[in-house]
Structure formats: C-alpha cells, structure tokens
PDB file of N, CA and C in Angstrom:
ATOM      1  N   MET A   1      23.425 -34.475  10.947  1.00  0.00           N
ATOM      2  CA  MET A   1      21.999 -34.309  11.110  1.00  0.00           C
ATOM      3  C   MET A   1      21.315 -34.456   9.752  1.00  0.00           C
ATOM      4  N   THR A   2      20.264 -35.229   9.700  1.00  0.00           N
ATOM      5  CA  THR A   2      19.506 -35.430   8.481  1.00  0.00           C
ATOM      6  C   THR A   2      18.470 -34.324   8.341  1.00  0.00           C
ATOM      7  N   TYR A   3      18.486 -33.686   7.171  1.00  0.00           N
ATOM      8  CA  TYR A   3      17.503 -32.635   6.925  1.00  0.00           C
ATOM      9  C   TYR A   3      16.251 -33.235   6.321  1.00  0.00           C
ATOM     10  N   THR A   4      15.144 -32.837   6.858  1.00  0.00           N
ATOM     11  CA  THR A   4      13.848 -33.223   6.332  1.00  0.00           C
ATOM     12  C   THR A   4      13.035 -31.956   6.146  1.00  0.00           C
ATOM     13  N   LYS A   5      11.887 -32.109   5.565  1.00  0.00           N
ATOM     14  CA  LYS A   5      11.003 -30.956   5.394  1.00  0.00           C
ATOM     15  C   LYS A   5      10.726 -30.294   6.742  1.00  0.00           C
ATOM     16  N   ALA A   6      10.591 -31.095   7.764  1.00  0.00           N
ATOM     17  CA  ALA A   6      10.277 -30.566   9.091  1.00  0.00           C
ATOM     18  C   ALA A   6      11.431 -29.779   9.700  1.00  0.00           C
ATOM     19  N   THR A   7      12.662 -30.119   9.350  1.00  0.00           N
ATOM     20  CA  THR A   7      13.796 -29.425   9.958  1.00  0.00           C
ATOM     21  C   THR A   7      14.416 -28.370   9.048  1.00  0.00           C
ATOM     22  N   ALA A   8      14.239 -28.503   7.764  1.00  0.00           N
ATOM     23  CA  ALA A   8      14.885 -27.586   6.824  1.00  0.00           C
ATOM     24  C   ALA A   8      14.135 -26.272   6.663  1.00  0.00           C
ATOM     25  N   PHE A   9      12.833 -26.266   6.954  1.00  0.00           N
ATOM     26  CA  PHE A   9      12.018 -25.074   6.744  1.00  0.00           C
ATOM     27  C   PHE A   9      11.246 -24.744   8.009  1.00  0.00           C
ATOM     28  N   SER A  10      11.026 -23.458   8.209  1.00  0.00           N
ATOM     29  CA  SER A  10      10.307 -23.025   9.402  1.00  0.00           C
ATOM     30  C   SER A  10       8.850 -23.466   9.326  1.00  0.00           C
ATOM     31  N   PRO A  11       8.197 -23.558  10.478  1.00  0.00           N
ATOM     32  CA  PRO A  11       6.769 -23.892  10.467  1.00  0.00           C
ATOM     33  C   PRO A  11       5.958 -22.896   9.629  1.00  0.00           C
ATOM     34  N   GLU A  12       6.330 -21.621   9.663  1.00  0.00           N
ATOM     35  CA  GLU A  12       5.624 -20.614   8.870  1.00  0.00           C
ATOM     36  C   GLU A  12       5.808 -20.860   7.377  1.00  0.00           C
ATOM     37  N   GLN A  13       7.026 -21.188   6.956  1.00  0.00           N
ATOM     38  CA  GLN A  13       7.276 -21.493   5.543  1.00  0.00           C
ATOM     39  C   GLN A  13       6.463 -22.706   5.094  1.00  0.00           C
ATOM     40  N   GLN A  14       6.393 -23.709   5.942  1.00  0.00           N
ATOM     41  CA  GLN A  14       5.620 -24.902   5.618  1.00  0.00           C
ATOM     42  C   GLN A  14       4.130 -24.576   5.521  1.00  0.00           C
ATOM     43  N   GLU A  15       3.646 -23.710   6.408  1.00  0.00           N
ATOM     44  CA  GLU A  15       2.228 -23.340   6.377  1.00  0.00           C
ATOM     45  C   GLU A  15       1.896 -22.536   5.124  1.00  0.00           C
ATOM     46  N   VAL A  16       2.768 -21.603   4.755  1.00  0.00           N
ATOM     47  CA  VAL A  16       2.553 -20.824   3.528  1.00  0.00           C
ATOM     48  C   VAL A  16       2.541 -21.760   2.323  1.00  0.00           C
ATOM     49  N   ALA A  17       3.450 -22.709   2.273  1.00  0.00           N
ATOM     50  CA  ALA A  17       3.510 -23.652   1.156  1.00  0.00           C
ATOM     51  C   ALA A  17       2.247 -24.508   1.090  1.00  0.00           C
ATOM     52  N   ARG A  18       1.745 -24.944   2.237  1.00  0.00           N
ATOM     53  CA  ARG A  18       0.525 -25.751   2.275  1.00  0.00           C
ATOM     54  C   ARG A  18      -0.660 -24.954   1.742  1.00  0.00           C
ATOM     55  N   ILE A  19      -0.770 -23.704   2.156  1.00  0.00           N
ATOM     56  CA  ILE A  19      -1.861 -22.838   1.693  1.00  0.00           C
ATOM     57  C   ILE A  19      -1.728 -22.583   0.195  1.00  0.00           C
ATOM     58  N   ALA A  20      -0.511 -22.272  -0.234  1.00  0.00           N
ATOM     59  CA  ALA A  20      -0.286 -21.993  -1.656  1.00  0.00           C
ATOM     60  C   ALA A  20      -0.620 -23.213  -2.515  1.00  0.00           C
ATOM     61  N   LYS A  21      -0.300 -24.394  -2.027  1.00  0.00           N
ATOM     62  CA  LYS A  21      -0.606 -25.616  -2.777  1.00  0.00           C
ATOM     63  C   LYS A  21      -2.109 -25.783  -2.944  1.00  0.00           C
ATOM     64  N   VAL A  22      -2.859 -25.537  -1.883  1.00  0.00           N
ATOM     65  CA  VAL A  22      -4.311 -25.666  -1.962  1.00  0.00           C
ATOM     66  C   VAL A  22      -4.889 -24.623  -2.912  1.00  0.00           C
ATOM     67  N   LEU A  23      -4.330 -23.420  -2.900  1.00  0.00           N
ATOM     68  CA  LEU A  23      -4.828 -22.346  -3.750  1.00  0.00           C
ATOM     69  C   LEU A  23      -4.310 -22.429  -5.181  1.00  0.00           C
ATOM     70  N   SER A  24      -3.487 -23.417  -5.479  1.00  0.00           N
ATOM     71  CA  SER A  24      -2.869 -23.499  -6.801  1.00  0.00           C
ATOM     72  C   SER A  24      -3.791 -24.055  -7.881  1.00  0.00           C
ATOM     73  N   HIS A  25      -4.987 -24.465  -7.535  1.00  0.00           N
ATOM     74  CA  HIS A  25      -5.904 -25.004  -8.536  1.00  0.00           C
ATOM     75  C   HIS A  25      -7.037 -24.012  -8.795  1.00  0.00           C
ATOM     76  N   PRO A  26      -7.290 -23.675 -10.057  1.00  0.00           N
ATOM     77  CA  PRO A  26      -8.337 -22.685 -10.365  1.00  0.00           C
ATOM     78  C   PRO A  26      -9.729 -23.105  -9.899  1.00  0.00           C
ATOM     79  N   ALA A  27     -10.010 -24.391  -9.835  1.00  0.00           N
ATOM     80  CA  ALA A  27     -11.321 -24.841  -9.362  1.00  0.00           C
ATOM     81  C   ALA A  27     -11.509 -24.475  -7.889  1.00  0.00           C
ATOM     82  N   ARG A  28     -10.448 -24.591  -7.113  1.00  0.00           N
ATOM     83  CA  ARG A  28     -10.551 -24.247  -5.690  1.00  0.00           C
ATOM     84  C   ARG A  28     -10.734 -22.745  -5.506  1.00  0.00           C
ATOM     85  N   ILE A  29     -10.073 -21.975  -6.354  1.00  0.00           N
ATOM     86  CA  ILE A  29     -10.262 -20.518  -6.323  1.00  0.00           C
ATOM     87  C   ILE A  29     -11.727 -20.197  -6.651  1.00  0.00           C
ATOM     88  N   ALA A  30     -12.267 -20.846  -7.672  1.00  0.00           N
ATOM     89  CA  ALA A  30     -13.659 -20.614  -8.071  1.00  0.00           C
ATOM     90  C   ALA A  30     -14.620 -21.000  -6.943  1.00  0.00           C
ATOM     91  N   ILE A  31     -14.342 -22.097  -6.270  1.00  0.00           N
ATOM     92  CA  ILE A  31     -15.193 -22.519  -5.153  1.00  0.00           C
ATOM     93  C   ILE A  31     -15.149 -21.492  -4.034  1.00  0.00           C
ATOM     94  N   LEU A  32     -13.958 -21.026  -3.687  1.00  0.00           N
ATOM     95  CA  LEU A  32     -13.841 -20.002  -2.643  1.00  0.00           C
ATOM     96  C   LEU A  32     -14.575 -18.723  -3.036  1.00  0.00           C
ATOM     97  N   GLN A  33     -14.435 -18.324  -4.282  1.00  0.00           N
ATOM     98  CA  GLN A  33     -15.127 -17.123  -4.750  1.00  0.00           C
ATOM     99  C   GLN A  33     -16.644 -17.313  -4.689  1.00  0.00           C
ATOM    100  N   HIS A  34     -17.106 -18.482  -5.063  1.00  0.00           N
ATOM    101  CA  HIS A  34     -18.538 -18.778  -5.019  1.00  0.00           C
ATOM    102  C   HIS A  34     -19.059 -18.726  -3.577  1.00  0.00           C
ATOM    103  N   LEU A  35     -18.313 -19.321  -2.660  1.00  0.00           N
ATOM    104  CA  LEU A  35     -18.721 -19.298  -1.258  1.00  0.00           C
ATOM    105  C   LEU A  35     -18.701 -17.873  -0.706  1.00  0.00           C
ATOM    106  N   ALA A  36     -17.713 -17.078  -1.100  1.00  0.00           N
ATOM    107  CA  ALA A  36     -17.612 -15.694  -0.626  1.00  0.00           C
ATOM    108  C   ALA A  36     -18.753 -14.844  -1.153  1.00  0.00           C
ATOM    109  N   GLU A  37     -19.105 -15.039  -2.409  1.00  0.00           N
ATOM    110  CA  GLU A  37     -20.196 -14.272  -3.013  1.00  0.00           C
ATOM    111  C   GLU A  37     -21.540 -14.611  -2.383  1.00  0.00           C
ATOM    112  N   ALA A  38     -21.710 -15.855  -1.970  1.00  0.00           N
ATOM    113  CA  ALA A  38     -22.974 -16.286  -1.379  1.00  0.00           C
ATOM    114  C   ALA A  38     -23.181 -15.660   0.005  1.00  0.00           C
ATOM    115  N   LYS A  39     -22.087 -15.384   0.700  1.00  0.00           N
ATOM    116  CA  LYS A  39     -22.121 -14.774   2.034  1.00  0.00           C
ATOM    117  C   LYS A  39     -22.992 -15.557   3.012  1.00  0.00           C
ATOM    118  N   THR A  40     -23.108 -16.842   2.790  1.00  0.00           N
ATOM    119  CA  THR A  40     -23.861 -17.715   3.675  1.00  0.00           C
ATOM    120  C   THR A  40     -23.387 -19.143   3.437  1.00  0.00           C
ATOM    121  N   CYS A  41     -23.757 -20.029   4.319  1.00  0.00           N
ATOM    122  CA  CYS A  41     -23.429 -21.436   4.080  1.00  0.00           C
ATOM    123  C   CYS A  41     -24.198 -21.934   2.868  1.00  0.00           C
ATOM    124  N   ILE A  42     -23.542 -22.741   2.088  1.00  0.00           N
ATOM    125  CA  ILE A  42     -24.173 -23.291   0.888  1.00  0.00           C
ATOM    126  C   ILE A  42     -24.347 -24.783   1.093  1.00  0.00           C
ATOM    127  N   SER A  43     -25.576 -25.200   1.013  1.00  0.00           N
ATOM    128  CA  SER A  43     -25.826 -26.633   1.029  1.00  0.00           C
ATOM    129  C   SER A  43     -26.386 -26.987  -0.338  1.00  0.00           C
ATOM    130  N   GLY A  44     -26.250 -28.207  -0.678  1.00  0.00           N
ATOM    131  CA  GLY A  44     -26.727 -28.611  -1.993  1.00  0.00           C
ATOM    132  C   GLY A  44     -25.580 -28.736  -2.962  1.00  0.00           C
ATOM    133  N   ASP A  45     -25.895 -28.597  -4.213  1.00  0.00           N
ATOM    134  CA  ASP A  45     -24.966 -28.901  -5.283  1.00  0.00           C
ATOM    135  C   ASP A  45     -24.197 -27.663  -5.734  1.00  0.00           C
ATOM    136  N   ILE A  46     -22.987 -27.477  -5.221  1.00  0.00           N
ATOM    137  CA  ILE A  46     -22.139 -26.365  -5.634  1.00  0.00           C
ATOM    138  C   ILE A  46     -21.724 -26.544  -7.095  1.00  0.00           C
ATOM    139  N   SER A  47     -21.689 -27.781  -7.558  1.00  0.00           N
ATOM    140  CA  SER A  47     -21.261 -28.033  -8.938  1.00  0.00           C
ATOM    141  C   SER A  47     -22.213 -27.419  -9.956  1.00  0.00           C
ATOM    142  N   SER A  48     -23.444 -27.103  -9.552  1.00  0.00           N
ATOM    143  CA  SER A  48     -24.360 -26.473 -10.496  1.00  0.00           C
ATOM    144  C   SER A  48     -23.916 -25.053 -10.843  1.00  0.00           C
ATOM    145  N   ALA A  49     -23.074 -24.448  -9.998  1.00  0.00           N
ATOM    146  CA  ALA A  49     -22.580 -23.101 -10.252  1.00  0.00           C
ATOM    147  C   ALA A  49     -21.219 -23.100 -10.940  1.00  0.00           C
ATOM    148  N   LEU A  50     -20.625 -24.272 -11.091  1.00  0.00           N
ATOM    149  CA  LEU A  50     -19.285 -24.386 -11.674  1.00  0.00           C
ATOM    150  C   LEU A  50     -19.290 -25.401 -12.815  1.00  0.00           C
ATOM    151  N   PRO A  51     -18.365 -25.269 -13.744  1.00  0.00           N
ATOM    152  CA  PRO A  51     -18.317 -26.220 -14.863  1.00  0.00           C
ATOM    153  C   PRO A  51     -17.567 -27.506 -14.494  1.00  0.00           C
ATOM    154  N   LEU A  52     -17.974 -28.090 -13.356  1.00  0.00           N
ATOM    155  CA  LEU A  52     -17.312 -29.286 -12.851  1.00  0.00           C
ATOM    156  C   LEU A  52     -18.342 -30.304 -12.395  1.00  0.00           C
ATOM    157  N   SER A  53     -17.966 -31.562 -12.406  1.00  0.00           N
ATOM    158  CA  SER A  53     -18.864 -32.609 -11.923  1.00  0.00           C
ATOM    159  C   SER A  53     -18.954 -32.555 -10.401  1.00  0.00           C
ATOM    160  N   ARG A  54     -19.990 -33.182  -9.870  1.00  0.00           N
ATOM    161  CA  ARG A  54     -20.157 -33.241  -8.405  1.00  0.00           C
ATOM    162  C   ARG A  54     -18.969 -33.919  -7.743  1.00  0.00           C
ATOM    163  N   THR A  55     -18.471 -34.969  -8.361  1.00  0.00           N
ATOM    164  CA  THR A  55     -17.337 -35.703  -7.801  1.00  0.00           C
ATOM    165  C   THR A  55     -16.104 -34.810  -7.723  1.00  0.00           C
ATOM    166  N   THR A  56     -15.848 -34.066  -8.788  1.00  0.00           N
ATOM    167  CA  THR A  56     -14.689 -33.172  -8.823  1.00  0.00           C
ATOM    168  C   THR A  56     -14.833 -32.073  -7.785  1.00  0.00           C
ATOM    169  N   VAL A  57     -16.010 -31.476  -7.703  1.00  0.00           N
ATOM    170  CA  VAL A  57     -16.247 -30.429  -6.697  1.00  0.00           C
ATOM    171  C   VAL A  57     -16.057 -31.006  -5.299  1.00  0.00           C
ATOM    172  N   SER A  58     -16.560 -32.189  -5.071  1.00  0.00           N
ATOM    173  CA  SER A  58     -16.422 -32.836  -3.766  1.00  0.00           C
ATOM    174  C   SER A  58     -14.953 -33.024  -3.393  1.00  0.00           C
ATOM    175  N   GLN A  59     -14.140 -33.438  -4.357  1.00  0.00           N
ATOM    176  CA  GLN A  59     -12.708 -33.624  -4.101  1.00  0.00           C
ATOM    177  C   GLN A  59     -12.040 -32.297  -3.741  1.00  0.00           C
ATOM    178  N   HIS A  60     -12.406 -31.236  -4.449  1.00  0.00           N
ATOM    179  CA  HIS A  60     -11.820 -29.919  -4.164  1.00  0.00           C
ATOM    180  C   HIS A  60     -12.313 -29.369  -2.825  1.00  0.00           C
ATOM    181  N   LEU A  61     -13.575 -29.603  -2.505  1.00  0.00           N
ATOM    182  CA  LEU A  61     -14.093 -29.185  -1.199  1.00  0.00           C
ATOM    183  C   LEU A  61     -13.342 -29.889  -0.072  1.00  0.00           C
ATOM    184  N   THR A  62     -13.039 -31.156  -0.266  1.00  0.00           N
ATOM    185  CA  THR A  62     -12.277 -31.900   0.732  1.00  0.00           C
ATOM    186  C   THR A  62     -10.895 -31.287   0.931  1.00  0.00           C
ATOM    187  N   GLU A  63     -10.222 -30.937  -0.153  1.00  0.00           N
ATOM    188  CA  GLU A  63      -8.904 -30.309  -0.055  1.00  0.00           C
ATOM    189  C   GLU A  63      -8.985 -28.972   0.684  1.00  0.00           C
ATOM    190  N   LEU A  64      -9.993 -28.166   0.348  1.00  0.00           N
ATOM    191  CA  LEU A  64     -10.160 -26.871   1.003  1.00  0.00           C
ATOM    192  C   LEU A  64     -10.488 -27.041   2.485  1.00  0.00           C
ATOM    193  N   LYS A  65     -11.295 -28.040   2.792  1.00  0.00           N
ATOM    194  CA  LYS A  65     -11.652 -28.293   4.190  1.00  0.00           C
ATOM    195  C   LYS A  65     -10.439 -28.808   4.965  1.00  0.00           C
ATOM    196  N   ASN A  66      -9.674 -29.717   4.378  1.00  0.00           N
ATOM    197  CA  ASN A  66      -8.477 -30.241   5.042  1.00  0.00           C
ATOM    198  C   ASN A  66      -7.459 -29.140   5.316  1.00  0.00           C
ATOM    199  N   ALA A  67      -7.425 -28.138   4.447  1.00  0.00           N
ATOM    200  CA  ALA A  67      -6.508 -27.008   4.637  1.00  0.00           C
ATOM    201  C   ALA A  67      -7.056 -26.001   5.642  1.00  0.00           C
ATOM    202  N   GLY A  68      -8.320 -26.171   6.017  1.00  0.00           N
ATOM    203  CA  GLY A  68      -8.912 -25.278   7.001  1.00  0.00           C
ATOM    204  C   GLY A  68      -9.514 -24.010   6.418  1.00  0.00           C
ATOM    205  N   LEU A  69      -9.513 -23.872   5.100  1.00  0.00           N
ATOM    206  CA  LEU A  69     -10.036 -22.642   4.507  1.00  0.00           C
ATOM    207  C   LEU A  69     -11.561 -22.600   4.472  1.00  0.00           C
ATOM    208  N   ILE A  70     -12.185 -23.769   4.484  1.00  0.00           N
ATOM    209  CA  ILE A  70     -13.644 -23.815   4.559  1.00  0.00           C
ATOM    210  C   ILE A  70     -14.022 -24.773   5.679  1.00  0.00           C
ATOM    211  N   LYS A  71     -15.260 -24.658   6.093  1.00  0.00           N
ATOM    212  CA  LYS A  71     -15.776 -25.616   7.068  1.00  0.00           C
ATOM    213  C   LYS A  71     -17.125 -26.083   6.574  1.00  0.00           C
ATOM    214  N   GLY A  72     -17.491 -27.259   6.997  1.00  0.00           N
ATOM    215  CA  GLY A  72     -18.764 -27.828   6.582  1.00  0.00           C
ATOM    216  C   GLY A  72     -19.425 -28.539   7.734  1.00  0.00           C
ATOM    217  N   GLU A  73     -20.691 -28.295   7.895  1.00  0.00           N
ATOM    218  CA  GLU A  73     -21.480 -28.941   8.934  1.00  0.00           C
ATOM    219  C   GLU A  73     -22.433 -29.919   8.279  1.00  0.00           C
ATOM    220  N   ILE A  74     -22.427 -31.154   8.738  1.00  0.00           N
ATOM    221  CA  ILE A  74     -23.308 -32.173   8.187  1.00  0.00           C
ATOM    222  C   ILE A  74     -24.665 -32.047   8.875  1.00  0.00           C
ATOM    223  N   ASP A  75     -25.700 -31.952   8.064  1.00  0.00           N
ATOM    224  CA  ASP A  75     -27.065 -31.857   8.563  1.00  0.00           C
ATOM    225  C   ASP A  75     -27.896 -32.876   7.799  1.00  0.00           C
ATOM    226  N   GLY A  76     -28.014 -34.058   8.356  1.00  0.00           N
ATOM    227  CA  GLY A  76     -28.712 -35.124   7.647  1.00  0.00           C
ATOM    228  C   GLY A  76     -27.907 -35.562   6.450  1.00  0.00           C
ATOM    229  N   LEU A  77     -28.505 -35.461   5.276  1.00  0.00           N
ATOM    230  CA  LEU A  77     -27.820 -35.876   4.051  1.00  0.00           C
ATOM    231  C   LEU A  77     -27.110 -34.726   3.356  1.00  0.00           C
ATOM    232  N   THR A  78     -27.228 -33.502   3.884  1.00  0.00           N
ATOM    233  CA  THR A  78     -26.599 -32.353   3.240  1.00  0.00           C
ATOM    234  C   THR A  78     -25.431 -31.854   4.073  1.00  0.00           C
ATOM    235  N   VAL A  79     -24.556 -31.147   3.431  1.00  0.00           N
ATOM    236  CA  VAL A  79     -23.425 -30.507   4.089  1.00  0.00           C
ATOM    237  C   VAL A  79     -23.502 -29.028   3.754  1.00  0.00           C
ATOM    238  N   CYS A  80     -23.360 -28.209   4.765  1.00  0.00           N
ATOM    239  CA  CYS A  80     -23.412 -26.766   4.577  1.00  0.00           C
ATOM    240  C   CYS A  80     -21.975 -26.234   4.606  1.00  0.00           C
ATOM    241  N   TYR A  81     -21.486 -25.718   3.481  1.00  0.00           N
ATOM    242  CA  TYR A  81     -20.116 -25.223   3.381  1.00  0.00           C
ATOM    243  C   TYR A  81     -20.066 -23.709   3.454  1.00  0.00           C
ATOM    244  N   CYS A  82     -19.037 -23.206   4.134  1.00  0.00           N
ATOM    245  CA  CYS A  82     -18.775 -21.773   4.153  1.00  0.00           C
ATOM    246  C   CYS A  82     -17.283 -21.566   4.427  1.00  0.00           C
ATOM    247  N   ILE A  83     -16.830 -20.355   4.191  1.00  0.00           N
ATOM    248  CA  ILE A  83     -15.426 -20.024   4.448  1.00  0.00           C
ATOM    249  C   ILE A  83     -15.201 -19.969   5.947  1.00  0.00           C
ATOM    250  N   ASP A  84     -14.118 -20.574   6.397  1.00  0.00           N
ATOM    251  CA  ASP A  84     -13.725 -20.496   7.809  1.00  0.00           C
ATOM    252  C   ASP A  84     -12.980 -19.176   7.981  1.00  0.00           C
ATOM    253  N   GLN A  85     -13.662 -18.172   8.466  1.00  0.00           N
ATOM    254  CA  GLN A  85     -13.128 -16.818   8.496  1.00  0.00           C
ATOM    255  C   GLN A  85     -11.830 -16.718   9.297  1.00  0.00           C
ATOM    256  N   GLU A  86     -11.754 -17.397  10.416  1.00  0.00           N
ATOM    257  CA  GLU A  86     -10.543 -17.343  11.239  1.00  0.00           C
ATOM    258  C   GLU A  86      -9.336 -17.902  10.487  1.00  0.00           C
ATOM    259  N   GLN A  87      -9.514 -19.062   9.850  1.00  0.00           N
ATOM    260  CA  GLN A  87      -8.416 -19.677   9.105  1.00  0.00           C
ATOM    261  C   GLN A  87      -8.087 -18.889   7.838  1.00  0.00           C
ATOM    262  N   TYR A  88      -9.116 -18.329   7.215  1.00  0.00           N
ATOM    263  CA  TYR A  88      -8.897 -17.498   6.031  1.00  0.00           C
ATOM    264  C   TYR A  88      -8.064 -16.268   6.404  1.00  0.00           C
ATOM    265  N   ASP A  89      -8.413 -15.620   7.525  1.00  0.00           N
ATOM    266  CA  ASP A  89      -7.660 -14.444   7.976  1.00  0.00           C
ATOM    267  C   ASP A  89      -6.202 -14.807   8.264  1.00  0.00           C
ATOM    268  N   ARG A  90      -5.973 -15.968   8.857  1.00  0.00           N
ATOM    269  CA  ARG A  90      -4.607 -16.439   9.137  1.00  0.00           C
ATOM    270  C   ARG A  90      -3.856 -16.660   7.823  1.00  0.00           C
ATOM    271  N   ALA A  91      -4.488 -17.301   6.861  1.00  0.00           N
ATOM    272  CA  ALA A  91      -3.852 -17.558   5.566  1.00  0.00           C
ATOM    273  C   ALA A  91      -3.517 -16.244   4.875  1.00  0.00           C
ATOM    274  N   ARG A  92      -4.452 -15.307   4.882  1.00  0.00           N
ATOM    275  CA  ARG A  92      -4.223 -14.006   4.251  1.00  0.00           C
ATOM    276  C   ARG A  92      -3.046 -13.290   4.911  1.00  0.00           C
ATOM    277  N   GLN A  93      -2.984 -13.308   6.227  1.00  0.00           N
ATOM    278  CA  GLN A  93      -1.887 -12.651   6.958  1.00  0.00           C
ATOM    279  C   GLN A  93      -0.539 -13.283   6.606  1.00  0.00           C
ATOM    280  N   LEU A  94      -0.497 -14.597   6.565  1.00  0.00           N
ATOM    281  CA  LEU A  94       0.756 -15.291   6.225  1.00  0.00           C
ATOM    282  C   LEU A  94       1.214 -14.956   4.810  1.00  0.00           C
ATOM    283  N   LEU A  95       0.281 -15.005   3.855  1.00  0.00           N
ATOM    284  CA  LEU A  95       0.637 -14.722   2.465  1.00  0.00           C
ATOM    285  C   LEU A  95       1.045 -13.264   2.279  1.00  0.00           C
ATOM    286  N   GLU A  96       0.304 -12.337   2.883  1.00  0.00           N
ATOM    287  CA  GLU A  96       0.651 -10.922   2.773  1.00  0.00           C
ATOM    288  C   GLU A  96       2.027 -10.645   3.384  1.00  0.00           C
ATOM    289  N   SER A  97       2.308 -11.238   4.523  1.00  0.00           N
ATOM    290  CA  SER A  97       3.592 -11.047   5.191  1.00  0.00           C
ATOM    291  C   SER A  97       4.741 -11.571   4.337  1.00  0.00           C
ATOM    292  N   MET A  98       4.564 -12.761   3.785  1.00  0.00           N
ATOM    293  CA  MET A  98       5.611 -13.356   2.958  1.00  0.00           C
ATOM    294  C   MET A  98       5.844 -12.528   1.697  1.00  0.00           C
ATOM    295  N   LEU A  99       4.765 -12.102   1.027  1.00  0.00           N
ATOM    296  CA  LEU A  99       4.904 -11.316  -0.193  1.00  0.00           C
ATOM    297  C   LEU A  99       5.521  -9.947   0.086  1.00  0.00           C
ATOM    298  N   ALA A 100       5.159  -9.334   1.195  1.00  0.00           N
ATOM    299  CA  ALA A 100       5.736  -8.034   1.556  1.00  0.00           C
ATOM    300  C   ALA A 100       7.230  -8.172   1.847  1.00  0.00           C
ATOM    301  N   ALA A 101       7.621  -9.251   2.512  1.00  0.00           N
ATOM    302  CA  ALA A 101       9.034  -9.467   2.822  1.00  0.00           C
ATOM    303  C   ALA A 101       9.852  -9.680   1.558  1.00  0.00           C
ATOM    304  N   ILE A 102       9.298 -10.397   0.612  1.00  0.00           N
ATOM    305  CA  ILE A 102      10.009 -10.639  -0.646  1.00  0.00           C
ATOM    306  C   ILE A 102      10.145  -9.328  -1.411  1.00  0.00           C
ATOM    307  N   LYS A 103       9.082  -8.532  -1.477  1.00  0.00           N
ATOM    308  CA  LYS A 103       9.114  -7.266  -2.187  1.00  0.00           C
ATOM    309  C   LYS A 103      10.124  -6.327  -1.549  1.00  0.00           C
ATOM    310  N   SER A 104      10.114  -6.233  -0.223  1.00  0.00           N
ATOM    311  CA  SER A 104      10.986  -5.280   0.449  1.00  0.00           C
ATOM    312  C   SER A 104      12.448  -5.680   0.380  1.00  0.00           C
ATOM    313  N   SER A 105      12.733  -6.929   0.097  1.00  0.00           N
ATOM    314  CA  SER A 105      14.122  -7.367   0.038  1.00  0.00           C
ATOM    315  C   SER A 105      14.635  -7.454  -1.397  1.00  0.00           C
ATOM    316  N   CYS A 106      13.816  -7.135  -2.367  1.00  0.00           N
ATOM    317  CA  CYS A 106      14.228  -7.226  -3.767  1.00  0.00           C
ATOM    318  C   CYS A 106      15.281  -6.163  -4.090  1.00  0.00           C
ATOM    319  N   CYS A 107      16.051  -6.486  -5.059  1.00  0.00           N
ATOM    320  CA  CYS A 107      17.059  -5.533  -5.492  1.00  0.00           C
ATOM    321  C   CYS A 107      16.413  -4.358  -6.218  1.00  0.00           C
ATOM    322  N   THR A 108      17.193  -3.353  -6.471  1.00  0.00           N
ATOM    323  CA  THR A 108      16.682  -2.169  -7.173  1.00  0.00           C
ATOM    324  C   THR A 108      16.696  -2.422  -8.675  1.00  0.00           C
ATOM    325  N   ASP A 109      16.074  -1.522  -9.402  1.00  0.00           N
ATOM    326  CA  ASP A 109      16.007  -1.651 -10.859  1.00  0.00           C
ATOM    327  C   ASP A 109      17.395  -1.588 -11.513  1.00  0.00           C
ATOM    328  N   THR A 110      18.377  -1.012 -10.827  1.00  0.00           N
ATOM    329  CA  THR A 110      19.697  -0.827 -11.425  1.00  0.00           C
ATOM    330  C   THR A 110      20.470  -2.148 -11.568  1.00  0.00           C
ATOM    331  N   CYS A 111      20.120  -3.158 -10.799  1.00  0.00           N
ATOM    332  CA  CYS A 111      20.910  -4.389 -10.885  1.00  0.00           C
ATOM    333  C   CYS A 111      20.312  -5.426 -11.817  1.00  0.00           C
ATOM    334  N   CYS A 112      19.117  -5.263 -12.240  1.00  0.00           N
ATOM    335  CA  CYS A 112      18.493  -6.311 -13.062  1.00  0.00           C
ATOM    336  C   CYS A 112      18.341  -5.913 -14.497  1.00  0.00           C
TER     337      CYS A 112
END
C-alpha cells in the first residue's frame, strides 16, 4: 500500500496542520486580531491599520478565507470581512484538543 498524506494521517491531524499553517504567518495573526477588535465586518482598506501593502493584505485575506477562518461578502466594489465564528470555534477546539493531548501525554520532569 502506498502511503500518502491522505492515508498516513487522520483527517483531524490534517485539519490541525492546515489551520496551523494558515496561522503561521504574523500578518495573518494581525489581521485576525484587527477583525476581532473591530467586532464588526470591515470593508475598505484593512492595510491602513497594518504595516503592509494592499496587495499583501489581500493575499493574506485570501489565505484566511480559503481556510475558513474569515468570511467576506462582496457588496459592489467593496468586500466586508469578518471572522467566521463557526469555523473559528472549530479551529480553536481542534487546537485546544491537540495541545491538551500532547501535554497530558508528556513525560514527567524526572526523565528529561
């Protein structure tokens, strides 16, 4: 049997890795924090709040949207971005579960 990413790792492991990859860039973290602080959909130029160009912000927004962490509604020429609460809650649950499992299975201080 040939092992591939699809067969070697569980769907949950693959989902955690996908989320972690998206969250691995500080610009994406900053965008999520900015959207969370606004507590509303943001339309217009998010790059004005970050030290990044519009093109760079747009690329990061696309990555966050593709991962399902944010959603955007097109209204004419503007896009209104906000955190996708359902997907965010799922991501948080997966990450918390994985981190708790790793912590609970760690060895004691006596072996390291």
